[in-house]
Amino acid sequence: MDRLRDAFEIGEHPLTLRAQRAERREGFVFEELEFVTPDGERVRGFLTRPLHDRPVPALLCIHAHGFRYDIGADELLDGRASLQSAPGPAFAAMGFAALMIDMPAFGVRVEPGENARSKARLWHGRSLAGQMVGEQASAFAWLAARDDILADRIGVYGLSMGATLGYWLAAVEPRIACVAHLCCFADFASLIDTGAHDQHGIYLTVPGLLNLASNGEIAGRIAPRPQFIGIGDQDPLTPPAAVNRALAQTHAAYERARAEDKLVVHREPESGHVETPAMRAAVVNFFQRNLAG
């Protein structure tokens, strides 16, 4: 586990809150946050929460990629084409707070770009994905420290890039109560065998990760905590054979933990790289059961 934490750069990317502004909107409170990295880079964050002041469960929401470098944390309030609706207001209506930050190369951090950042980190034996997971770990810690958040009831939600970063983080952060990830779960060795790995961005390349664990094994480390995996079989990023191999490994881990009922797999034969209405409904049910209390 320590080698996996090192690959995901846990503890290497602290975020310091520098500014915070809150306002009431229709149905929820919106907070605009500004964090700063140790080297001075601004990291924009948004938080939504219910209108009352009582402590609530929360979700760390991780934005997608989609080559929309301009979106970043705006996904929390504005959504994107692959989501059913903006997650922030939707989760606030369920009684949850939700936090999202800009990942490197997205939002206000669009420069330097993904390729430049990835290549620079790879030259140093690190990765952009590792930095992303490390920063999400810091965002989680900040969220858990808030007085208005129930620290033992924080989950993670993400689609595509946000999905992978989400279950990678949950695998090495035992305080995460549950995770729901959509449209980015597959065995990478299988993707490499078929060339499908080239559908994924360079940011995701973590040196030597496959020598430590496969994606199915990484997701299996989340057991016995609840995990939701959403897949569309027509998604070119997650071809069925690669999904099947990863799922077999994750299922085995939950069986060993005697927690088979905590692993929820929602699979749609005719959908692709999108959150469908049925998938969103299943995610809502998953979080209601595992976070609402």
C-alpha atoms as a PDB file:
ATOM      1  CA  MET A   1       0.000   0.000   0.000  1.00  0.00           C
ATOM      2  CA  ASP A   2       2.842   2.427   0.746  1.00  0.00           C
ATOM      3  CA  ARG A   3       4.227   1.989  -2.775  1.00  0.00           C
ATOM      4  CA  LEU A   4       0.806   2.728  -4.203  1.00  0.00           C
ATOM      5  CA  ARG A   5       0.481   5.821  -2.023  1.00  0.00           C
ATOM      6  CA  ASP A   6       3.863   6.925  -3.293  1.00  0.00           C
ATOM      7  CA  ALA A   7       2.818   6.404  -6.931  1.00  0.00           C
ATOM      8  CA  PHE A   8      -0.262   8.530  -6.239  1.00  0.00           C
ATOM      9  CA  GLU A   9       1.890  11.171  -4.520  1.00  0.00           C
ATOM     10  CA  ILE A  10      -0.160  11.248  -1.329  1.00  0.00           C
ATOM     11  CA  GLY A  11       1.128  13.953   1.003  1.00  0.00           C
ATOM     12  CA  GLU A  12       3.230  15.624  -1.692  1.00  0.00           C
ATOM     13  CA  HIS A  13       0.708  18.227  -2.841  1.00  0.00           C
ATOM     14  CA  PRO A  14      -0.717  20.231   0.071  1.00  0.00           C
ATOM     15  CA  LEU A  15      -3.265  22.927  -0.722  1.00  0.00           C
ATOM     16  CA  THR A  16      -3.617  26.055   1.409  1.00  0.00           C
ATOM     17  CA  LEU A  17      -6.855  28.016   1.464  1.00  0.00           C
ATOM     18  CA  ARG A  18      -6.188  31.657   0.610  1.00  0.00           C
ATOM     19  CA  ALA A  19      -9.649  33.123  -0.013  1.00  0.00           C
ATOM     20  CA  GLN A  20     -13.267  32.123   0.573  1.00  0.00           C
ATOM     21  CA  ARG A  21     -16.575  33.756  -0.341  1.00  0.00           C
ATOM     22  CA  ALA A  22     -20.077  32.411   0.280  1.00  0.00           C
ATOM     23  CA  GLU A  23     -23.475  33.382  -1.115  1.00  0.00           C
ATOM     24  CA  ARG A  24     -26.997  31.993  -0.964  1.00  0.00           C
ATOM     25  CA  ARG A  25     -28.464  30.779  -4.229  1.00  0.00           C
ATOM     26  CA  GLU A  26     -31.796  29.227  -5.045  1.00  0.00           C
ATOM     27  CA  GLY A  27     -31.848  25.993  -3.082  1.00  0.00           C
ATOM     28  CA  PHE A  28     -28.242  25.919  -1.870  1.00  0.00           C
ATOM     29  CA  VAL A  29     -25.260  27.844  -0.537  1.00  0.00           C
ATOM     30  CA  PHE A  30     -22.391  28.396  -2.965  1.00  0.00           C
ATOM     31  CA  GLU A  31     -18.809  28.956  -1.824  1.00  0.00           C
ATOM     32  CA  GLU A  32     -16.056  30.189  -4.111  1.00  0.00           C
ATOM     33  CA  LEU A  33     -12.672  29.031  -2.847  1.00  0.00           C
ATOM     34  CA  GLU A  34      -9.098  29.831  -3.749  1.00  0.00           C
ATOM     35  CA  PHE A  35      -6.325  27.462  -2.722  1.00  0.00           C
ATOM     36  CA  VAL A  36      -2.641  27.772  -3.481  1.00  0.00           C
ATOM     37  CA  THR A  37      -0.025  25.076  -4.103  1.00  0.00           C
ATOM     38  CA  PRO A  38       3.414  25.155  -2.423  1.00  0.00           C
ATOM     39  CA  ASP A  39       4.900  26.719  -5.577  1.00  0.00           C
ATOM     40  CA  GLY A  40       2.263  29.450  -5.635  1.00  0.00           C
ATOM     41  CA  GLU A  41      -0.118  28.174  -8.318  1.00  0.00           C
ATOM     42  CA  ARG A  42      -3.713  29.249  -7.809  1.00  0.00           C
ATOM     43  CA  VAL A  43      -6.231  26.392  -7.494  1.00  0.00           C
ATOM     44  CA  ARG A  44      -9.871  27.357  -7.906  1.00  0.00           C
ATOM     45  CA  GLY A  45     -12.476  25.457  -5.890  1.00  0.00           C
ATOM     46  CA  PHE A  46     -16.270  25.495  -5.633  1.00  0.00           C
ATOM     47  CA  LEU A  47     -18.408  24.113  -2.835  1.00  0.00           C
ATOM     48  CA  THR A  48     -22.181  23.698  -2.638  1.00  0.00           C
ATOM     49  CA  ARG A  49     -24.141  22.787   0.480  1.00  0.00           C
ATOM     50  CA  PRO A  50     -27.715  22.840   1.799  1.00  0.00           C
ATOM     51  CA  LEU A  51     -29.130  26.113   3.086  1.00  0.00           C
ATOM     52  CA  HIS A  52     -29.148  25.081   6.761  1.00  0.00           C
ATOM     53  CA  ASP A  53     -26.081  25.164   9.039  1.00  0.00           C
ATOM     54  CA  ARG A  54     -26.246  21.653  10.467  1.00  0.00           C
ATOM     55  CA  PRO A  55     -23.318  19.307   9.708  1.00  0.00           C
ATOM     56  CA  VAL A  56     -23.977  17.250   6.598  1.00  0.00           C
ATOM     57  CA  PRO A  57     -22.436  14.367   4.641  1.00  0.00           C
ATOM     58  CA  ALA A  58     -20.316  15.451   1.706  1.00  0.00           C
ATOM     59  CA  LEU A  59     -19.004  14.401  -1.684  1.00  0.00           C
ATOM     60  CA  LEU A  60     -15.636  15.139  -3.173  1.00  0.00           C
ATOM     61  CA  CYS A  61     -16.567  15.522  -6.838  1.00  0.00           C
ATOM     62  CA  ILE A  62     -13.758  15.174  -9.388  1.00  0.00           C
ATOM     63  CA  HIS A  63     -14.263  16.703 -12.803  1.00  0.00           C
ATOM     64  CA  ALA A  64     -13.906  14.917 -16.125  1.00  0.00           C
ATOM     65  CA  HIS A  65     -11.439  15.530 -18.957  1.00  0.00           C
ATOM     66  CA  GLY A  66     -13.184  15.367 -22.346  1.00  0.00           C
ATOM     67  CA  PHE A  67     -10.521  17.685 -23.808  1.00  0.00           C
ATOM     68  CA  ARG A  68     -12.560  20.546 -22.317  1.00  0.00           C
ATOM     69  CA  TYR A  69      -9.698  22.202 -20.517  1.00  0.00           C
ATOM     70  CA  ASP A  70     -11.864  25.295 -20.049  1.00  0.00           C
ATOM     71  CA  ILE A  71     -14.418  23.582 -17.787  1.00  0.00           C
ATOM     72  CA  GLY A  72     -12.573  22.265 -14.735  1.00  0.00           C
ATOM     73  CA  ALA A  73     -14.411  22.989 -11.496  1.00  0.00           C
ATOM     74  CA  ASP A  74     -17.236  24.734 -13.381  1.00  0.00           C
ATOM     75  CA  GLU A  75     -18.588  21.213 -13.851  1.00  0.00           C
ATOM     76  CA  LEU A  76     -19.910  21.343 -10.286  1.00  0.00           C
ATOM     77  CA  LEU A  77     -22.347  24.161 -11.103  1.00  0.00           C
ATOM     78  CA  ASP A  78     -22.759  23.937 -14.870  1.00  0.00           C
ATOM     79  CA  GLY A  79     -22.414  20.210 -15.539  1.00  0.00           C
ATOM     80  CA  ARG A  80     -21.218  18.964 -18.917  1.00  0.00           C
ATOM     81  CA  ALA A  81     -22.694  17.129 -21.906  1.00  0.00           C
ATOM     82  CA  SER A  82     -21.823  13.668 -20.538  1.00  0.00           C
ATOM     83  CA  LEU A  83     -23.630  14.261 -17.216  1.00  0.00           C
ATOM     84  CA  GLN A  84     -27.362  14.246 -16.577  1.00  0.00           C
ATOM     85  CA  SER A  85     -27.172  17.503 -14.619  1.00  0.00           C
ATOM     86  CA  ALA A  86     -24.787  19.655 -12.622  1.00  0.00           C
ATOM     87  CA  PRO A  87     -23.783  17.609  -9.557  1.00  0.00           C
ATOM     88  CA  GLY A  88     -23.472  20.462  -7.045  1.00  0.00           C
ATOM     89  CA  PRO A  89     -27.117  21.607  -6.915  1.00  0.00           C
ATOM     90  CA  ALA A  90     -28.325  18.011  -7.302  1.00  0.00           C
ATOM     91  CA  PHE A  91     -26.340  16.801  -4.303  1.00  0.00           C
ATOM     92  CA  ALA A  92     -27.320  19.856  -2.231  1.00  0.00           C
ATOM     93  CA  ALA A  93     -30.965  18.951  -2.843  1.00  0.00           C
ATOM     94  CA  MET A  94     -30.168  15.505  -1.418  1.00  0.00           C
ATOM     95  CA  GLY A  95     -28.748  17.090   1.746  1.00  0.00           C
ATOM     96  CA  PHE A  96     -25.064  16.744   0.829  1.00  0.00           C
ATOM     97  CA  ALA A  97     -22.262  19.249   0.481  1.00  0.00           C
ATOM     98  CA  ALA A  98     -20.052  18.882  -2.603  1.00  0.00           C
ATOM     99  CA  LEU A  99     -16.531  20.146  -3.335  1.00  0.00           C
ATOM    100  CA  MET A 100     -14.734  20.330  -6.685  1.00  0.00           C
ATOM    101  CA  ILE A 101     -11.343  21.833  -7.532  1.00  0.00           C
ATOM    102  CA  ASP A 102      -9.589  22.582 -10.818  1.00  0.00           C
ATOM    103  CA  MET A 103      -7.102  19.883 -11.748  1.00  0.00           C
ATOM    104  CA  PRO A 104      -3.745  20.894 -13.314  1.00  0.00           C
ATOM    105  CA  ALA A 105      -4.247  22.042 -16.954  1.00  0.00           C
ATOM    106  CA  PHE A 106      -7.966  22.733 -16.402  1.00  0.00           C
ATOM    107  CA  GLY A 107     -10.019  25.790 -15.516  1.00  0.00           C
ATOM    108  CA  VAL A 108      -7.851  28.674 -14.342  1.00  0.00           C
ATOM    109  CA  ARG A 109      -4.857  26.303 -14.510  1.00  0.00           C
ATOM    110  CA  VAL A 110      -5.096  25.745 -18.264  1.00  0.00           C
ATOM    111  CA  GLU A 111      -1.487  26.888 -18.781  1.00  0.00           C
ATOM    112  CA  PRO A 112       0.891  25.096 -18.875  1.00  0.00           C
ATOM    113  CA  GLY A 113      -1.103  22.506 -20.778  1.00  0.00           C
ATOM    114  CA  GLU A 114      -1.549  18.807 -20.190  1.00  0.00           C
ATOM    115  CA  ASN A 115       1.272  17.651 -22.490  1.00  0.00           C
ATOM    116  CA  ALA A 116       3.844  20.063 -21.087  1.00  0.00           C
ATOM    117  CA  ARG A 117       2.931  19.251 -17.495  1.00  0.00           C
ATOM    118  CA  SER A 118       2.867  15.492 -18.133  1.00  0.00           C
ATOM    119  CA  LYS A 119       6.224  15.403 -19.916  1.00  0.00           C
ATOM    120  CA  ALA A 120       7.923  17.506 -17.251  1.00  0.00           C
ATOM    121  CA  ARG A 121       6.704  15.242 -14.455  1.00  0.00           C
ATOM    122  CA  LEU A 122       7.557  12.048 -16.334  1.00  0.00           C
ATOM    123  CA  TRP A 123      11.136  13.277 -16.749  1.00  0.00           C
ATOM    124  CA  HIS A 124      11.302  13.405 -12.950  1.00  0.00           C
ATOM    125  CA  GLY A 125       9.814   9.924 -12.574  1.00  0.00           C
ATOM    126  CA  ARG A 126       6.463  11.289 -11.421  1.00  0.00           C
ATOM    127  CA  SER A 127       3.169  11.797 -13.213  1.00  0.00           C
ATOM    128  CA  LEU A 128       0.445  14.343 -13.762  1.00  0.00           C
ATOM    129  CA  ALA A 129      -2.110  11.761 -12.607  1.00  0.00           C
ATOM    130  CA  GLY A 130      -0.102  11.326  -9.409  1.00  0.00           C
ATOM    131  CA  GLN A 131      -0.181  15.075  -8.814  1.00  0.00           C
ATOM    132  CA  MET A 132      -3.926  15.051  -9.449  1.00  0.00           C
ATOM    133  CA  VAL A 133      -4.571  12.274  -6.918  1.00  0.00           C
ATOM    134  CA  GLY A 134      -2.254  13.966  -4.418  1.00  0.00           C
ATOM    135  CA  GLU A 135      -4.144  17.240  -4.740  1.00  0.00           C
ATOM    136  CA  GLN A 136      -7.484  15.467  -4.397  1.00  0.00           C
ATOM    137  CA  ALA A 137      -6.198  13.874  -1.191  1.00  0.00           C
ATOM    138  CA  SER A 138      -5.480  17.365   0.134  1.00  0.00           C
ATOM    139  CA  ALA A 139      -8.915  18.585  -0.947  1.00  0.00           C
ATOM    140  CA  PHE A 140     -10.475  15.633   0.875  1.00  0.00           C
ATOM    141  CA  ALA A 141      -8.524  16.442   4.056  1.00  0.00           C
ATOM    142  CA  TRP A 142      -9.627  20.086   3.900  1.00  0.00           C
ATOM    143  CA  LEU A 143     -13.244  19.055   3.421  1.00  0.00           C
ATOM    144  CA  ALA A 144     -13.094  16.568   6.309  1.00  0.00           C
ATOM    145  CA  ALA A 145     -11.735  19.256   8.649  1.00  0.00           C
ATOM    146  CA  ARG A 146     -14.731  21.585   8.191  1.00  0.00           C
ATOM    147  CA  ASP A 147     -17.064  21.936  11.167  1.00  0.00           C
ATOM    148  CA  ASP A 148     -20.136  21.727   8.939  1.00  0.00           C
ATOM    149  CA  ILE A 149     -19.121  18.392   7.382  1.00  0.00           C
ATOM    150  CA  LEU A 150     -19.614  14.919   8.873  1.00  0.00           C
ATOM    151  CA  ALA A 151     -16.055  13.696   8.404  1.00  0.00           C
ATOM    152  CA  ASP A 152     -16.963  10.014   8.596  1.00  0.00           C
ATOM    153  CA  ARG A 153     -19.569  10.367   5.832  1.00  0.00           C
ATOM    154  CA  ILE A 154     -17.621  11.735   2.868  1.00  0.00           C
ATOM    155  CA  GLY A 155     -17.882   9.960  -0.466  1.00  0.00           C
ATOM    156  CA  VAL A 156     -16.301  10.483  -3.884  1.00  0.00           C
ATOM    157  CA  TYR A 157     -18.045  10.890  -7.249  1.00  0.00           C
ATOM    158  CA  GLY A 158     -16.591  11.276 -10.725  1.00  0.00           C
ATOM    159  CA  LEU A 159     -16.992  10.436 -14.405  1.00  0.00           C
ATOM    160  CA  SER A 160     -14.204   9.602 -16.876  1.00  0.00           C
ATOM    161  CA  MET A 161     -10.977  11.177 -15.578  1.00  0.00           C
ATOM    162  CA  GLY A 162     -12.831  11.932 -12.362  1.00  0.00           C
ATOM    163  CA  ALA A 163     -13.762   8.261 -12.073  1.00  0.00           C
ATOM    164  CA  THR A 164     -10.200   6.964 -12.269  1.00  0.00           C
ATOM    165  CA  LEU A 165      -8.849   9.583  -9.892  1.00  0.00           C
ATOM    166  CA  GLY A 166     -11.748   8.818  -7.556  1.00  0.00           C
ATOM    167  CA  TYR A 167     -11.217   5.103  -7.088  1.00  0.00           C
ATOM    168  CA  TRP A 168      -7.442   5.503  -7.067  1.00  0.00           C
ATOM    169  CA  LEU A 169      -7.830   7.979  -4.205  1.00  0.00           C
ATOM    170  CA  ALA A 170     -10.318   5.793  -2.331  1.00  0.00           C
ATOM    171  CA  ALA A 171      -7.891   2.868  -2.575  1.00  0.00           C
ATOM    172  CA  VAL A 172      -5.260   4.748  -0.557  1.00  0.00           C
ATOM    173  CA  GLU A 173      -7.461   6.965   1.662  1.00  0.00           C
ATOM    174  CA  PRO A 174      -9.310   4.732   4.134  1.00  0.00           C
ATOM    175  CA  ARG A 175     -11.363   7.629   5.532  1.00  0.00           C
ATOM    176  CA  ILE A 176     -13.405   7.818   2.323  1.00  0.00           C
ATOM    177  CA  ALA A 177     -16.765   6.253   3.186  1.00  0.00           C
ATOM    178  CA  CYS A 178     -17.782   5.201  -0.324  1.00  0.00           C
ATOM    179  CA  VAL A 179     -17.099   5.937  -3.993  1.00  0.00           C
ATOM    180  CA  ALA A 180     -19.164   6.039  -7.186  1.00  0.00           C
ATOM    181  CA  HIS A 181     -17.202   6.145 -10.446  1.00  0.00           C
ATOM    182  CA  LEU A 182     -18.563   6.166 -13.982  1.00  0.00           C
ATOM    183  CA  CYS A 183     -17.243   5.395 -17.462  1.00  0.00           C
ATOM    184  CA  CYS A 184     -13.562   4.748 -16.836  1.00  0.00           C
ATOM    185  CA  PHE A 185     -13.000   1.308 -15.316  1.00  0.00           C
ATOM    186  CA  ALA A 186     -10.926  -1.219 -17.245  1.00  0.00           C
ATOM    187  CA  ASP A 187      -7.798  -3.343 -17.013  1.00  0.00           C
ATOM    188  CA  PHE A 188      -4.959  -1.282 -18.486  1.00  0.00           C
ATOM    189  CA  ALA A 189      -2.816  -4.251 -19.476  1.00  0.00           C
ATOM    190  CA  SER A 190      -5.747  -5.431 -21.597  1.00  0.00           C
ATOM    191  CA  LEU A 191      -6.098  -1.964 -23.113  1.00  0.00           C
ATOM    192  CA  ILE A 192      -2.401  -1.957 -24.019  1.00  0.00           C
ATOM    193  CA  ASP A 193      -2.738  -5.375 -25.676  1.00  0.00           C
ATOM    194  CA  THR A 194      -5.379  -4.015 -28.045  1.00  0.00           C
ATOM    195  CA  GLY A 195      -4.060  -0.474 -28.433  1.00  0.00           C
ATOM    196  CA  ALA A 196      -7.113   0.995 -26.699  1.00  0.00           C
ATOM    197  CA  HIS A 197      -4.872   2.618 -24.072  1.00  0.00           C
ATOM    198  CA  ASP A 198      -4.059   5.279 -26.649  1.00  0.00           C
ATOM    199  CA  GLN A 199      -7.628   6.548 -26.298  1.00  0.00           C
ATOM    200  CA  HIS A 200      -6.623   7.862 -22.866  1.00  0.00           C
ATOM    201  CA  GLY A 201      -4.652  11.058 -22.318  1.00  0.00           C
ATOM    202  CA  ILE A 202      -0.946  11.191 -21.504  1.00  0.00           C
ATOM    203  CA  TYR A 203      -1.812  12.609 -18.070  1.00  0.00           C
ATOM    204  CA  LEU A 204      -2.900   9.120 -16.952  1.00  0.00           C
ATOM    205  CA  THR A 205       0.528   7.512 -17.469  1.00  0.00           C
ATOM    206  CA  VAL A 206       1.946   6.607 -14.036  1.00  0.00           C
ATOM    207  CA  PRO A 207       5.469   5.131 -14.345  1.00  0.00           C
ATOM    208  CA  GLY A 208       5.550   1.512 -13.194  1.00  0.00           C
ATOM    209  CA  LEU A 209       1.959   1.418 -11.936  1.00  0.00           C
ATOM    210  CA  LEU A 210       1.206  -1.930 -13.591  1.00  0.00           C
ATOM    211  CA  ASN A 211       4.142  -3.436 -11.698  1.00  0.00           C
ATOM    212  CA  LEU A 212       2.361  -2.504  -8.458  1.00  0.00           C
ATOM    213  CA  ALA A 213      -1.282  -3.333  -9.156  1.00  0.00           C
ATOM    214  CA  SER A 214      -3.882  -3.532 -11.887  1.00  0.00           C
ATOM    215  CA  ASN A 215      -6.954  -1.304 -11.882  1.00  0.00           C
ATOM    216  CA  GLY A 216      -9.109  -4.209 -10.719  1.00  0.00           C
ATOM    217  CA  GLU A 217      -6.760  -4.819  -7.806  1.00  0.00           C
ATOM    218  CA  ILE A 218      -6.605  -1.111  -6.958  1.00  0.00           C
ATOM    219  CA  ALA A 219     -10.405  -0.897  -6.866  1.00  0.00           C
ATOM    220  CA  GLY A 220     -10.434  -4.076  -4.791  1.00  0.00           C
ATOM    221  CA  ARG A 221      -8.444  -2.314  -2.078  1.00  0.00           C
ATOM    222  CA  ILE A 222     -11.539  -0.221  -1.376  1.00  0.00           C
ATOM    223  CA  ALA A 223     -13.321  -3.314   0.020  1.00  0.00           C
ATOM    224  CA  PRO A 224     -15.250  -3.652   2.253  1.00  0.00           C
ATOM    225  CA  ARG A 225     -16.370  -0.029   1.759  1.00  0.00           C
ATOM    226  CA  PRO A 226     -19.249   0.559  -0.669  1.00  0.00           C
ATOM    227  CA  GLN A 227     -18.266   1.071  -4.308  1.00  0.00           C
ATOM    228  CA  PHE A 228     -20.417   1.821  -7.351  1.00  0.00           C
ATOM    229  CA  ILE A 229     -19.038   1.096 -10.836  1.00  0.00           C
ATOM    230  CA  GLY A 230     -20.949   2.472 -13.803  1.00  0.00           C
ATOM    231  CA  ILE A 231     -20.077   1.212 -17.303  1.00  0.00           C
ATOM    232  CA  GLY A 232     -21.457   1.561 -20.812  1.00  0.00           C
ATOM    233  CA  ASP A 233     -20.423  -1.368 -23.002  1.00  0.00           C
ATOM    234  CA  GLN A 234     -20.267   0.844 -26.110  1.00  0.00           C
ATOM    235  CA  ASP A 235     -17.625   3.084 -24.512  1.00  0.00           C
ATOM    236  CA  PRO A 236     -14.380   2.868 -26.562  1.00  0.00           C
ATOM    237  CA  LEU A 237     -12.364   3.838 -23.471  1.00  0.00           C
ATOM    238  CA  THR A 238     -13.566   0.738 -21.616  1.00  0.00           C
ATOM    239  CA  PRO A 239     -14.078  -2.177 -24.047  1.00  0.00           C
ATOM    240  CA  PRO A 240     -15.978  -5.087 -22.473  1.00  0.00           C
ATOM    241  CA  ALA A 241     -13.073  -7.559 -22.362  1.00  0.00           C
ATOM    242  CA  ALA A 242     -10.928  -5.098 -20.395  1.00  0.00           C
ATOM    243  CA  VAL A 243     -13.852  -4.272 -18.109  1.00  0.00           C
ATOM    244  CA  ASN A 244     -14.537  -7.967 -17.459  1.00  0.00           C
ATOM    245  CA  ARG A 245     -10.961  -8.647 -16.390  1.00  0.00           C
ATOM    246  CA  ALA A 246     -10.923  -5.694 -14.003  1.00  0.00           C
ATOM    247  CA  LEU A 247     -14.331  -6.547 -12.576  1.00  0.00           C
ATOM    248  CA  ALA A 248     -13.297 -10.144 -11.897  1.00  0.00           C
ATOM    249  CA  GLN A 249     -10.394  -8.926  -9.763  1.00  0.00           C
ATOM    250  CA  THR A 250     -12.507  -6.399  -7.886  1.00  0.00           C
ATOM    251  CA  HIS A 251     -15.295  -8.920  -7.280  1.00  0.00           C
ATOM    252  CA  ALA A 252     -12.722 -11.358  -5.882  1.00  0.00           C
ATOM    253  CA  ALA A 253     -11.481  -8.732  -3.413  1.00  0.00           C
ATOM    254  CA  TYR A 254     -15.018  -8.038  -2.177  1.00  0.00           C
ATOM    255  CA  GLU A 255     -15.679 -11.762  -1.844  1.00  0.00           C
ATOM    256  CA  ARG A 256     -12.523 -12.161   0.258  1.00  0.00           C
ATOM    257  CA  ALA A 257     -13.735  -9.287   2.441  1.00  0.00           C
ATOM    258  CA  ARG A 258     -17.204 -10.909   2.663  1.00  0.00           C
ATOM    259  CA  ALA A 259     -18.640  -7.658   1.374  1.00  0.00           C
ATOM    260  CA  GLU A 260     -20.139  -8.712  -1.966  1.00  0.00           C
ATOM    261  CA  ASP A 261     -23.256  -6.661  -1.250  1.00  0.00           C
ATOM    262  CA  LYS A 262     -21.144  -3.494  -0.986  1.00  0.00           C
ATOM    263  CA  LEU A 263     -20.023  -3.661  -4.620  1.00  0.00           C
ATOM    264  CA  VAL A 264     -22.636  -2.309  -7.029  1.00  0.00           C
ATOM    265  CA  VAL A 265     -22.033  -2.703 -10.773  1.00  0.00           C
ATOM    266  CA  HIS A 266     -24.348  -0.829 -13.119  1.00  0.00           C
ATOM    267  CA  ARG A 267     -23.703  -1.888 -16.691  1.00  0.00           C
ATOM    268  CA  GLU A 268     -25.624  -0.812 -19.800  1.00  0.00           C
ATOM    269  CA  PRO A 269     -25.085  -2.765 -23.048  1.00  0.00           C
ATOM    270  CA  GLU A 270     -26.202   0.053 -25.353  1.00  0.00           C
ATOM    271  CA  SER A 271     -24.699   3.151 -23.697  1.00  0.00           C
ATOM    272  CA  GLY A 272     -21.267   4.698 -24.127  1.00  0.00           C
ATOM    273  CA  HIS A 273     -19.136   7.310 -22.389  1.00  0.00           C
ATOM    274  CA  VAL A 274     -22.045   9.088 -20.689  1.00  0.00           C
ATOM    275  CA  GLU A 275     -24.012   9.097 -17.485  1.00  0.00           C
ATOM    276  CA  THR A 276     -27.439   7.825 -18.493  1.00  0.00           C
ATOM    277  CA  PRO A 277     -30.688   8.603 -16.623  1.00  0.00           C
ATOM    278  CA  ALA A 278     -30.695   5.076 -15.204  1.00  0.00           C
ATOM    279  CA  MET A 279     -27.074   5.425 -14.120  1.00  0.00           C
ATOM    280  CA  ARG A 280     -27.774   8.736 -12.351  1.00  0.00           C
ATOM    281  CA  ALA A 281     -30.775   7.218 -10.588  1.00  0.00           C
ATOM    282  CA  ALA A 282     -28.623   4.313  -9.422  1.00  0.00           C
ATOM    283  CA  VAL A 283     -25.914   6.701  -8.176  1.00  0.00           C
ATOM    284  CA  VAL A 284     -28.499   8.738  -6.235  1.00  0.00           C
ATOM    285  CA  ASN A 285     -29.790   5.550  -4.606  1.00  0.00           C
ATOM    286  CA  PHE A 286     -26.230   4.438  -3.803  1.00  0.00           C
ATOM    287  CA  PHE A 287     -25.357   7.672  -2.010  1.00  0.00           C
ATOM    288  CA  GLN A 288     -28.707   7.831  -0.208  1.00  0.00           C
ATOM    289  CA  ARG A 289     -28.095   4.356   1.201  1.00  0.00           C
ATOM    290  CA  ASN A 290     -24.453   4.848   2.103  1.00  0.00           C
ATOM    291  CA  LEU A 291     -24.141   8.502   3.125  1.00  0.00           C
ATOM    292  CA  ALA A 292     -27.551   9.828   4.143  1.00  0.00           C
ATOM    293  CA  GLY A 293     -27.552   7.828   7.378  1.00  0.00           C
END
